[in-house]
Amino acid sequence: MPTSVTDSCRLCGAPIDAQDARRRLCSICDDYAQHVALHSNKGLERIVGELQNQPLFREPARRGH
């Protein structure tokens, strides 16, 4: 049974399912943010905030993953 779309990813703007709504990240952006957080030894929310403000991330996100 498919889940309904309730929100959009806060990094790329892609629609996300209700099961992903807790972090408000699509599965691709969530995996990427976790990877960066692990390698930088920073918290996930801090990394997401930094990624939201980087023009290098936002431009490719507009075209899709």
Protein backbone atom coordinates (compact mmCIF):
# COMPACT_ATOMS: atom_id res chain seq x y z
CA MET A 1 0.00 0.00 0.00
CA PRO A 2 1.59 3.31 -1.05
CA THR A 3 2.02 6.10 1.45
CA SER A 4 0.73 9.55 0.72
CA VAL A 5 3.00 12.49 -0.07
CA THR A 6 2.83 14.96 2.80
CA ASP A 7 5.79 17.29 2.46
CA SER A 8 8.85 18.15 0.40
CA CYS A 9 12.54 17.61 1.08
CA ARG A 10 14.08 20.65 2.73
CA LEU A 11 17.26 20.30 0.66
CA CYS A 12 16.15 19.48 -2.87
CA GLY A 13 12.40 20.09 -2.76
CA ALA A 14 11.45 16.59 -3.93
CA PRO A 15 8.18 15.22 -2.56
CA ILE A 16 8.65 12.88 0.38
CA ASP A 17 6.47 10.12 1.80
CA ALA A 18 4.92 10.23 5.23
CA GLN A 19 7.52 7.71 6.46
CA ASP A 20 10.33 10.19 5.64
CA ALA A 21 8.58 13.22 7.13
CA ARG A 22 10.40 13.08 10.47
CA ARG A 23 13.60 14.62 9.12
CA ARG A 24 11.92 16.25 6.11
CA LEU A 25 14.59 14.80 3.79
CA CYS A 26 14.14 12.53 0.78
CA SER A 27 16.04 9.26 0.98
CA ILE A 28 18.87 10.49 -1.28
CA CYS A 29 19.46 13.73 0.62
CA ASP A 30 19.14 11.89 3.94
CA ASP A 31 21.84 9.38 2.92
CA TYR A 32 24.10 12.18 1.67
CA ALA A 33 23.65 14.30 4.81
CA GLN A 34 24.36 11.30 7.05
CA HIS A 35 27.50 10.52 5.05
CA VAL A 36 28.77 14.11 5.34
CA ALA A 37 27.90 14.23 9.05
CA LEU A 38 29.83 11.03 9.76
CA HIS A 39 32.91 12.21 7.89
CA SER A 40 32.89 15.68 9.38
CA ASN A 41 32.10 14.58 12.95
CA LYS A 42 29.25 17.12 13.11
CA GLY A 43 25.61 16.58 13.96
CA LEU A 44 23.12 15.77 11.22
CA GLU A 45 20.98 18.88 11.78
CA ARG A 46 24.05 21.11 11.64
CA ILE A 47 25.12 19.51 8.35
CA VAL A 48 21.64 19.88 6.86
CA GLY A 49 21.70 23.57 7.79
CA GLU A 50 25.08 24.01 6.15
CA LEU A 51 23.97 22.14 3.02
CA GLN A 52 20.85 24.30 2.71
CA ASN A 53 23.04 27.38 2.46
CA GLN A 54 25.55 26.04 -0.06
CA PRO A 55 24.90 27.22 -3.64
CA LEU A 56 26.83 24.22 -4.97
CA PHE A 57 24.24 21.90 -3.48
CA ARG A 58 21.12 23.92 -4.29
CA GLU A 59 21.78 24.34 -8.03
CA PRO A 60 22.16 20.61 -8.84
CA ALA A 61 19.19 19.86 -6.57
CA ARG A 62 16.97 22.01 -8.78
CA ARG A 63 17.72 19.70 -11.69
CA GLY A 64 17.16 16.53 -9.64
CA HIS A 65 19.49 14.03 -8.12
